[in-house]
Amino acid sequence: MGRVILRCLLDAFYIILFFAVMSAVAFGAHWIVGRCEDWQVDSFVCAVLRSVSYALVLLDAVGVVTATGLLTYRFIRAIVRVED
């Protein structure tokens, strides 16, 4: 039972680490978009960067919800198998 819980926690840690890095990249892209006007970057480039920033945030949010559901499912399934 302890091994199952440890494996699920380790999977959760790796997934959290992945999404933390993805969130940092999205925040960096959003920060750059905020500085486009100060740096006098072309408006088309700013629009592309803004789109990329929003896409990263959307993918991050969908990924977090999906990963949470899958980890919960795997954890419950692993506990049910151990009890059998």
PDB file of N, CA and C in Angstrom:
ATOM      1  N   MET A   1       0.826  -1.198   0.000  1.00  0.00           N
ATOM      2  CA  MET A   1       0.000   0.000   0.000  1.00  0.00           C
ATOM      3  C   MET A   1       0.865   1.255   0.000  1.00  0.00           C
ATOM      4  N   GLY A   2       1.934   1.229   0.823  1.00  0.00           N
ATOM      5  CA  GLY A   2       2.826   2.381   0.875  1.00  0.00           C
ATOM      6  C   GLY A   2       3.535   2.627  -0.433  1.00  0.00           C
ATOM      7  N   ARG A   3       3.875   1.550  -1.123  1.00  0.00           N
ATOM      8  CA  ARG A   3       4.542   1.672  -2.413  1.00  0.00           C
ATOM      9  C   ARG A   3       3.626   2.308  -3.452  1.00  0.00           C
ATOM     10  N   VAL A   4       2.341   1.962  -3.403  1.00  0.00           N
ATOM     11  CA  VAL A   4       1.363   2.536  -4.336  1.00  0.00           C
ATOM     12  C   VAL A   4       1.217   4.026  -4.081  1.00  0.00           C
ATOM     13  N   ILE A   5       1.100   4.408  -2.810  1.00  0.00           N
ATOM     14  CA  ILE A   5       0.958   5.822  -2.473  1.00  0.00           C
ATOM     15  C   ILE A   5       2.210   6.596  -2.867  1.00  0.00           C
ATOM     16  N   LEU A   6       3.373   6.023  -2.615  1.00  0.00           N
ATOM     17  CA  LEU A   6       4.624   6.691  -2.986  1.00  0.00           C
ATOM     18  C   LEU A   6       4.727   6.879  -4.493  1.00  0.00           C
ATOM     19  N   ARG A   7       4.340   5.873  -5.258  1.00  0.00           N
ATOM     20  CA  ARG A   7       4.393   5.980  -6.719  1.00  0.00           C
ATOM     21  C   ARG A   7       3.437   7.056  -7.226  1.00  0.00           C
ATOM     22  N   CYS A   8       2.240   7.128  -6.648  1.00  0.00           N
ATOM     23  CA  CYS A   8       1.275   8.160  -7.055  1.00  0.00           C
ATOM     24  C   CYS A   8       1.777   9.549  -6.687  1.00  0.00           C
ATOM     25  N   LEU A   9       2.369   9.687  -5.509  1.00  0.00           N
ATOM     26  CA  LEU A   9       2.915  10.984  -5.111  1.00  0.00           C
ATOM     27  C   LEU A   9       4.079  11.400  -6.005  1.00  0.00           C
ATOM     28  N   LEU A  10       4.902  10.442  -6.396  1.00  0.00           N
ATOM     29  CA  LEU A  10       6.020  10.754  -7.295  1.00  0.00           C
ATOM     30  C   LEU A  10       5.516  11.175  -8.671  1.00  0.00           C
ATOM     31  N   ASP A  11       4.494  10.483  -9.173  1.00  0.00           N
ATOM     32  CA  ASP A  11       3.880  10.900 -10.445  1.00  0.00           C
ATOM     33  C   ASP A  11       3.309  12.306 -10.334  1.00  0.00           C
ATOM     34  N   ALA A  12       2.646  12.589  -9.233  1.00  0.00           N
ATOM     35  CA  ALA A  12       2.077  13.921  -9.027  1.00  0.00           C
ATOM     36  C   ALA A  12       3.173  14.981  -8.981  1.00  0.00           C
ATOM     37  N   PHE A  13       4.295  14.670  -8.333  1.00  0.00           N
ATOM     38  CA  PHE A  13       5.405  15.620  -8.260  1.00  0.00           C
ATOM     39  C   PHE A  13       5.957  15.930  -9.643  1.00  0.00           C
ATOM     40  N   TYR A  14       6.146  14.912 -10.490  1.00  0.00           N
ATOM     41  CA  TYR A  14       6.668  15.146 -11.834  1.00  0.00           C
ATOM     42  C   TYR A  14       5.705  15.971 -12.674  1.00  0.00           C
ATOM     43  N   ILE A  15       4.417  15.690 -12.542  1.00  0.00           N
ATOM     44  CA  ILE A  15       3.428  16.445 -13.309  1.00  0.00           C
ATOM     45  C   ILE A  15       3.375  17.891 -12.827  1.00  0.00           C
ATOM     46  N   ILE A  16       3.431  18.097 -11.512  1.00  0.00           N
ATOM     47  CA  ILE A  16       3.442  19.454 -10.967  1.00  0.00           C
ATOM     48  C   ILE A  16       4.678  20.209 -11.442  1.00  0.00           C
ATOM     49  N   LEU A  17       5.816  19.538 -11.470  1.00  0.00           N
ATOM     50  CA  LEU A  17       7.046  20.175 -11.944  1.00  0.00           C
ATOM     51  C   LEU A  17       6.924  20.589 -13.408  1.00  0.00           C
ATOM     52  N   PHE A  18       6.358  19.724 -14.233  1.00  0.00           N
ATOM     53  CA  PHE A  18       6.172  20.045 -15.646  1.00  0.00           C
ATOM     54  C   PHE A  18       5.287  21.273 -15.819  1.00  0.00           C
ATOM     55  N   PHE A  19       4.158  21.306 -15.115  1.00  0.00           N
ATOM     56  CA  PHE A  19       3.239  22.433 -15.275  1.00  0.00           C
ATOM     57  C   PHE A  19       3.781  23.709 -14.632  1.00  0.00           C
ATOM     58  N   ALA A  20       4.624  23.585 -13.625  1.00  0.00           N
ATOM     59  CA  ALA A  20       5.260  24.778 -13.058  1.00  0.00           C
ATOM     60  C   ALA A  20       6.196  25.411 -14.078  1.00  0.00           C
ATOM     61  N   VAL A  21       6.950  24.592 -14.783  1.00  0.00           N
ATOM     62  CA  VAL A  21       7.838  25.116 -15.823  1.00  0.00           C
ATOM     63  C   VAL A  21       7.017  25.722 -16.959  1.00  0.00           C
ATOM     64  N   MET A  22       5.934  25.055 -17.333  1.00  0.00           N
ATOM     65  CA  MET A  22       5.080  25.579 -18.398  1.00  0.00           C
ATOM     66  C   MET A  22       4.456  26.910 -17.988  1.00  0.00           C
ATOM     67  N   SER A  23       4.060  27.040 -16.735  1.00  0.00           N
ATOM     68  CA  SER A  23       3.509  28.298 -16.241  1.00  0.00           C
ATOM     69  C   SER A  23       4.556  29.402 -16.251  1.00  0.00           C
ATOM     70  N   ALA A  24       5.787  29.050 -15.916  1.00  0.00           N
ATOM     71  CA  ALA A  24       6.865  30.047 -15.942  1.00  0.00           C
ATOM     72  C   ALA A  24       7.112  30.544 -17.362  1.00  0.00           C
ATOM     73  N   VAL A  25       7.060  29.650 -18.332  1.00  0.00           N
ATOM     74  CA  VAL A  25       7.240  30.054 -19.733  1.00  0.00           C
ATOM     75  C   VAL A  25       6.082  30.951 -20.171  1.00  0.00           C
ATOM     76  N   ALA A  26       4.856  30.600 -19.778  1.00  0.00           N
ATOM     77  CA  ALA A  26       3.700  31.433 -20.122  1.00  0.00           C
ATOM     78  C   ALA A  26       3.816  32.803 -19.466  1.00  0.00           C
ATOM     79  N   PHE A  27       4.271  32.845 -18.219  1.00  0.00           N
ATOM     80  CA  PHE A  27       4.450  34.125 -17.549  1.00  0.00           C
ATOM     81  C   PHE A  27       5.531  34.954 -18.247  1.00  0.00           C
ATOM     82  N   GLY A  28       6.613  34.311 -18.666  1.00  0.00           N
ATOM     83  CA  GLY A  28       7.663  35.026 -19.398  1.00  0.00           C
ATOM     84  C   GLY A  28       7.153  35.600 -20.704  1.00  0.00           C
ATOM     85  N   ALA A  29       6.367  34.821 -21.426  1.00  0.00           N
ATOM     86  CA  ALA A  29       5.793  35.325 -22.679  1.00  0.00           C
ATOM     87  C   ALA A  29       4.845  36.486 -22.408  1.00  0.00           C
ATOM     88  N   HIS A  30       4.062  36.382 -21.350  1.00  0.00           N
ATOM     89  CA  HIS A  30       3.146  37.468 -21.005  1.00  0.00           C
ATOM     90  C   HIS A  30       3.914  38.724 -20.580  1.00  0.00           C
ATOM     91  N   TRP A  31       5.009  38.552 -19.874  1.00  0.00           N
ATOM     92  CA  TRP A  31       5.840  39.688 -19.463  1.00  0.00           C
ATOM     93  C   TRP A  31       6.443  40.389 -20.684  1.00  0.00           C
ATOM     94  N   ILE A  32       6.894  39.599 -21.651  1.00  0.00           N
ATOM     95  CA  ILE A  32       7.457  40.171 -22.875  1.00  0.00           C
ATOM     96  C   ILE A  32       6.383  40.946 -23.639  1.00  0.00           C
ATOM     97  N   VAL A  33       5.164  40.401 -23.685  1.00  0.00           N
ATOM     98  CA  VAL A  33       4.061  41.094 -24.360  1.00  0.00           C
ATOM     99  C   VAL A  33       3.798  42.436 -23.691  1.00  0.00           C
ATOM    100  N   GLY A  34       3.879  42.466 -22.362  1.00  0.00           N
ATOM    101  CA  GLY A  34       3.680  43.723 -21.644  1.00  0.00           C
ATOM    102  C   GLY A  34       4.751  44.747 -21.928  1.00  0.00           C
ATOM    103  N   ARG A  35       5.927  44.314 -22.301  1.00  0.00           N
ATOM    104  CA  ARG A  35       7.042  45.216 -22.576  1.00  0.00           C
ATOM    105  C   ARG A  35       7.180  45.578 -24.065  1.00  0.00           C
ATOM    106  N   CYS A  36       6.314  45.030 -24.908  1.00  0.00           N
ATOM    107  CA  CYS A  36       6.412  45.289 -26.349  1.00  0.00           C
ATOM    108  C   CYS A  36       6.324  46.776 -26.674  1.00  0.00           C
ATOM    109  N   GLU A  37       5.423  47.469 -26.013  1.00  0.00           N
ATOM    110  CA  GLU A  37       5.261  48.893 -26.304  1.00  0.00           C
ATOM    111  C   GLU A  37       6.481  49.685 -25.857  1.00  0.00           C
ATOM    112  N   ASP A  38       7.056  49.303 -24.719  1.00  0.00           N
ATOM    113  CA  ASP A  38       8.246  50.001 -24.239  1.00  0.00           C
ATOM    114  C   ASP A  38       9.441  49.781 -25.166  1.00  0.00           C
ATOM    115  N   TRP A  39       9.522  48.587 -25.723  1.00  0.00           N
ATOM    116  CA  TRP A  39      10.671  48.244 -26.589  1.00  0.00           C
ATOM    117  C   TRP A  39      10.420  48.606 -28.051  1.00  0.00           C
ATOM    118  N   GLN A  40       9.254  49.150 -28.366  1.00  0.00           N
ATOM    119  CA  GLN A  40       8.870  49.565 -29.712  1.00  0.00           C
ATOM    120  C   GLN A  40       8.960  48.417 -30.715  1.00  0.00           C
ATOM    121  N   VAL A  41       8.372  47.307 -30.322  1.00  0.00           N
ATOM    122  CA  VAL A  41       8.326  46.122 -31.187  1.00  0.00           C
ATOM    123  C   VAL A  41       7.130  46.267 -32.125  1.00  0.00           C
ATOM    124  N   ASP A  42       7.257  45.697 -33.318  1.00  0.00           N
ATOM    125  CA  ASP A  42       6.196  45.747 -34.319  1.00  0.00           C
ATOM    126  C   ASP A  42       4.894  45.185 -33.743  1.00  0.00           C
ATOM    127  N   SER A  43       3.770  45.761 -34.115  1.00  0.00           N
ATOM    128  CA  SER A  43       2.473  45.356 -33.559  1.00  0.00           C
ATOM    129  C   SER A  43       2.103  43.920 -33.949  1.00  0.00           C
ATOM    130  N   PHE A  44       2.525  43.489 -35.144  1.00  0.00           N
ATOM    131  CA  PHE A  44       2.240  42.113 -35.568  1.00  0.00           C
ATOM    132  C   PHE A  44       2.969  41.114 -34.676  1.00  0.00           C
ATOM    133  N   VAL A  45       4.226  41.402 -34.362  1.00  0.00           N
ATOM    134  CA  VAL A  45       5.009  40.532 -33.485  1.00  0.00           C
ATOM    135  C   VAL A  45       4.382  40.498 -32.093  1.00  0.00           C
ATOM    136  N   CYS A  46       3.922  41.642 -31.613  1.00  0.00           N
ATOM    137  CA  CYS A  46       3.253  41.692 -30.308  1.00  0.00           C
ATOM    138  C   CYS A  46       1.973  40.862 -30.319  1.00  0.00           C
ATOM    139  N   ALA A  47       1.218  40.918 -31.415  1.00  0.00           N
ATOM    140  CA  ALA A  47      -0.015  40.139 -31.513  1.00  0.00           C
ATOM    141  C   ALA A  47       0.280  38.643 -31.515  1.00  0.00           C
ATOM    142  N   VAL A  48       1.330  38.239 -32.204  1.00  0.00           N
ATOM    143  CA  VAL A  48       1.723  36.825 -32.221  1.00  0.00           C
ATOM    144  C   VAL A  48       2.162  36.382 -30.835  1.00  0.00           C
ATOM    145  N   LEU A  49       2.962  37.189 -30.168  1.00  0.00           N
ATOM    146  CA  LEU A  49       3.408  36.853 -28.818  1.00  0.00           C
ATOM    147  C   LEU A  49       2.232  36.788 -27.842  1.00  0.00           C
ATOM    148  N   ARG A  50       1.275  37.680 -28.000  1.00  0.00           N
ATOM    149  CA  ARG A  50       0.093  37.659 -27.139  1.00  0.00           C
ATOM    150  C   ARG A  50      -0.707  36.375 -27.371  1.00  0.00           C
ATOM    151  N   SER A  51      -0.846  35.973 -28.618  1.00  0.00           N
ATOM    152  CA  SER A  51      -1.558  34.733 -28.937  1.00  0.00           C
ATOM    153  C   SER A  51      -0.848  33.523 -28.335  1.00  0.00           C
ATOM    154  N   VAL A  52       0.474  33.505 -28.455  1.00  0.00           N
ATOM    155  CA  VAL A  52       1.256  32.408 -27.879  1.00  0.00           C
ATOM    156  C   VAL A  52       1.098  32.388 -26.366  1.00  0.00           C
ATOM    157  N   SER A  53       1.131  33.552 -25.753  1.00  0.00           N
ATOM    158  CA  SER A  53       0.975  33.642 -24.302  1.00  0.00           C
ATOM    159  C   SER A  53      -0.379  33.098 -23.868  1.00  0.00           C
ATOM    160  N   TYR A  54      -1.447  33.482 -24.545  1.00  0.00           N
ATOM    161  CA  TYR A  54      -2.780  32.998 -24.195  1.00  0.00           C
ATOM    162  C   TYR A  54      -2.908  31.496 -24.447  1.00  0.00           C
ATOM    163  N   ALA A  55      -2.321  31.017 -25.533  1.00  0.00           N
ATOM    164  CA  ALA A  55      -2.375  29.582 -25.825  1.00  0.00           C
ATOM    165  C   ALA A  55      -1.653  28.772 -24.749  1.00  0.00           C
ATOM    166  N   LEU A  56      -0.508  29.266 -24.298  1.00  0.00           N
ATOM    167  CA  LEU A  56       0.226  28.563 -23.239  1.00  0.00           C
ATOM    168  C   LEU A  56      -0.574  28.521 -21.937  1.00  0.00           C
ATOM    169  N   VAL A  57      -1.213  29.620 -21.604  1.00  0.00           N
ATOM    170  CA  VAL A  57      -2.025  29.653 -20.380  1.00  0.00           C
ATOM    171  C   VAL A  57      -3.213  28.703 -20.509  1.00  0.00           C
ATOM    172  N   LEU A  58      -3.847  28.685 -21.670  1.00  0.00           N
ATOM    173  CA  LEU A  58      -4.980  27.790 -21.887  1.00  0.00           C
ATOM    174  C   LEU A  58      -4.547  26.329 -21.810  1.00  0.00           C
ATOM    175  N   LEU A  59      -3.451  25.994 -22.469  1.00  0.00           N
ATOM    176  CA  LEU A  59      -2.945  24.617 -22.418  1.00  0.00           C
ATOM    177  C   LEU A  59      -2.551  24.222 -21.003  1.00  0.00           C
ATOM    178  N   ASP A  60      -1.979  25.154 -20.273  1.00  0.00           N
ATOM    179  CA  ASP A  60      -1.587  24.881 -18.898  1.00  0.00           C
ATOM    180  C   ASP A  60      -2.818  24.598 -18.041  1.00  0.00           C
ATOM    181  N   ALA A  61      -3.846  25.397 -18.195  1.00  0.00           N
ATOM    182  CA  ALA A  61      -5.062  25.209 -17.399  1.00  0.00           C
ATOM    183  C   ALA A  61      -5.741  23.878 -17.735  1.00  0.00           C
ATOM    184  N   VAL A  62      -5.865  23.576 -19.008  1.00  0.00           N
ATOM    185  CA  VAL A  62      -6.480  22.313 -19.420  1.00  0.00           C
ATOM    186  C   VAL A  62      -5.631  21.136 -18.940  1.00  0.00           C
ATOM    187  N   GLY A  63      -4.330  21.271 -19.034  1.00  0.00           N
ATOM    188  CA  GLY A  63      -3.442  20.201 -18.591  1.00  0.00           C
ATOM    189  C   GLY A  63      -3.521  19.954 -17.102  1.00  0.00           C
ATOM    190  N   VAL A  64      -3.613  21.005 -16.320  1.00  0.00           N
ATOM    191  CA  VAL A  64      -3.710  20.845 -14.863  1.00  0.00           C
ATOM    192  C   VAL A  64      -5.001  20.119 -14.489  1.00  0.00           C
ATOM    193  N   VAL A  65      -6.109  20.515 -15.089  1.00  0.00           N
ATOM    194  CA  VAL A  65      -7.386  19.871 -14.787  1.00  0.00           C
ATOM    195  C   VAL A  65      -7.357  18.408 -15.218  1.00  0.00           C
ATOM    196  N   THR A  66      -6.852  18.134 -16.400  1.00  0.00           N
ATOM    197  CA  THR A  66      -6.776  16.767 -16.900  1.00  0.00           C
ATOM    198  C   THR A  66      -5.850  15.915 -16.051  1.00  0.00           C
ATOM    199  N   ALA A  67      -4.686  16.437 -15.725  1.00  0.00           N
ATOM    200  CA  ALA A  67      -3.728  15.680 -14.919  1.00  0.00           C
ATOM    201  C   ALA A  67      -4.277  15.401 -13.524  1.00  0.00           C
ATOM    202  N   THR A  68      -4.972  16.352 -12.945  1.00  0.00           N
ATOM    203  CA  THR A  68      -5.566  16.135 -11.628  1.00  0.00           C
ATOM    204  C   THR A  68      -6.597  15.012 -11.682  1.00  0.00           C
ATOM    205  N   GLY A  69      -7.429  15.020 -12.690  1.00  0.00           N
ATOM    206  CA  GLY A  69      -8.417  13.952 -12.851  1.00  0.00           C
ATOM    207  C   GLY A  69      -7.781  12.594 -13.059  1.00  0.00           C
ATOM    208  N   LEU A  70      -6.771  12.541 -13.910  1.00  0.00           N
ATOM    209  CA  LEU A  70      -6.101  11.261 -14.177  1.00  0.00           C
ATOM    210  C   LEU A  70      -5.362  10.735 -12.956  1.00  0.00           C
ATOM    211  N   LEU A  71      -4.692  11.625 -12.228  1.00  0.00           N
ATOM    212  CA  LEU A  71      -3.990  11.183 -11.019  1.00  0.00           C
ATOM    213  C   LEU A  71      -4.972  10.685  -9.964  1.00  0.00           C
ATOM    214  N   THR A  72      -6.097  11.359  -9.813  1.00  0.00           N
ATOM    215  CA  THR A  72      -7.110  10.905  -8.863  1.00  0.00           C
ATOM    216  C   THR A  72      -7.654   9.542  -9.260  1.00  0.00           C
ATOM    217  N   TYR A  73      -7.933   9.363 -10.536  1.00  0.00           N
ATOM    218  CA  TYR A  73      -8.419   8.082 -11.036  1.00  0.00           C
ATOM    219  C   TYR A  73      -7.396   6.976 -10.792  1.00  0.00           C
ATOM    220  N   ARG A  74      -6.126   7.243 -11.123  1.00  0.00           N
ATOM    221  CA  ARG A  74      -5.084   6.229 -10.929  1.00  0.00           C
ATOM    222  C   ARG A  74      -4.903   5.889  -9.460  1.00  0.00           C
ATOM    223  N   PHE A  75      -4.977   6.897  -8.598  1.00  0.00           N
ATOM    224  CA  PHE A  75      -4.808   6.667  -7.171  1.00  0.00           C
ATOM    225  C   PHE A  75      -5.939   5.793  -6.620  1.00  0.00           C
ATOM    226  N   ILE A  76      -7.175   6.108  -6.978  1.00  0.00           N
ATOM    227  CA  ILE A  76      -8.315   5.315  -6.507  1.00  0.00           C
ATOM    228  C   ILE A  76      -8.241   3.903  -7.068  1.00  0.00           C
ATOM    229  N   ARG A  77      -7.892   3.780  -8.323  1.00  0.00           N
ATOM    230  CA  ARG A  77      -7.783   2.463  -8.953  1.00  0.00           C
ATOM    231  C   ARG A  77      -6.686   1.628  -8.300  1.00  0.00           C
ATOM    232  N   ALA A  78      -5.552   2.259  -7.979  1.00  0.00           N
ATOM    233  CA  ALA A  78      -4.453   1.541  -7.333  1.00  0.00           C
ATOM    234  C   ALA A  78      -4.846   1.082  -5.935  1.00  0.00           C
ATOM    235  N   ILE A  79      -5.578   1.896  -5.203  1.00  0.00           N
ATOM    236  CA  ILE A  79      -6.012   1.509  -3.849  1.00  0.00           C
ATOM    237  C   ILE A  79      -7.006   0.355  -3.913  1.00  0.00           C
ATOM    238  N   VAL A  80      -7.916   0.409  -4.883  1.00  0.00           N
ATOM    239  CA  VAL A  80      -8.883  -0.675  -5.029  1.00  0.00           C
ATOM    240  C   VAL A  80      -8.170  -1.978  -5.383  1.00  0.00           C
ATOM    241  N   ARG A  81      -7.157  -1.929  -6.224  1.00  0.00           N
ATOM    242  CA  ARG A  81      -6.420  -3.144  -6.593  1.00  0.00           C
ATOM    243  C   ARG A  81      -5.660  -3.722  -5.413  1.00  0.00           C
ATOM    244  N   VAL A  82      -5.091  -2.854  -4.573  1.00  0.00           N
ATOM    245  CA  VAL A  82      -4.327  -3.331  -3.416  1.00  0.00           C
ATOM    246  C   VAL A  82      -5.241  -4.027  -2.415  1.00  0.00           C
ATOM    247  N   GLU A  83      -6.455  -3.497  -2.244  1.00  0.00           N
ATOM    248  CA  GLU A  83      -7.392  -4.083  -1.279  1.00  0.00           C
ATOM    249  C   GLU A  83      -7.954  -5.421  -1.738  1.00  0.00           C
ATOM    250  N   ASP A  84      -7.909  -5.719  -3.031  1.00  0.00           N
ATOM    251  CA  ASP A  84      -8.447  -7.008  -3.541  1.00  0.00           C
ATOM    252  C   ASP A  84      -7.587  -8.166  -3.167  1.00  0.00           C
TER     253      ASP A  84
END
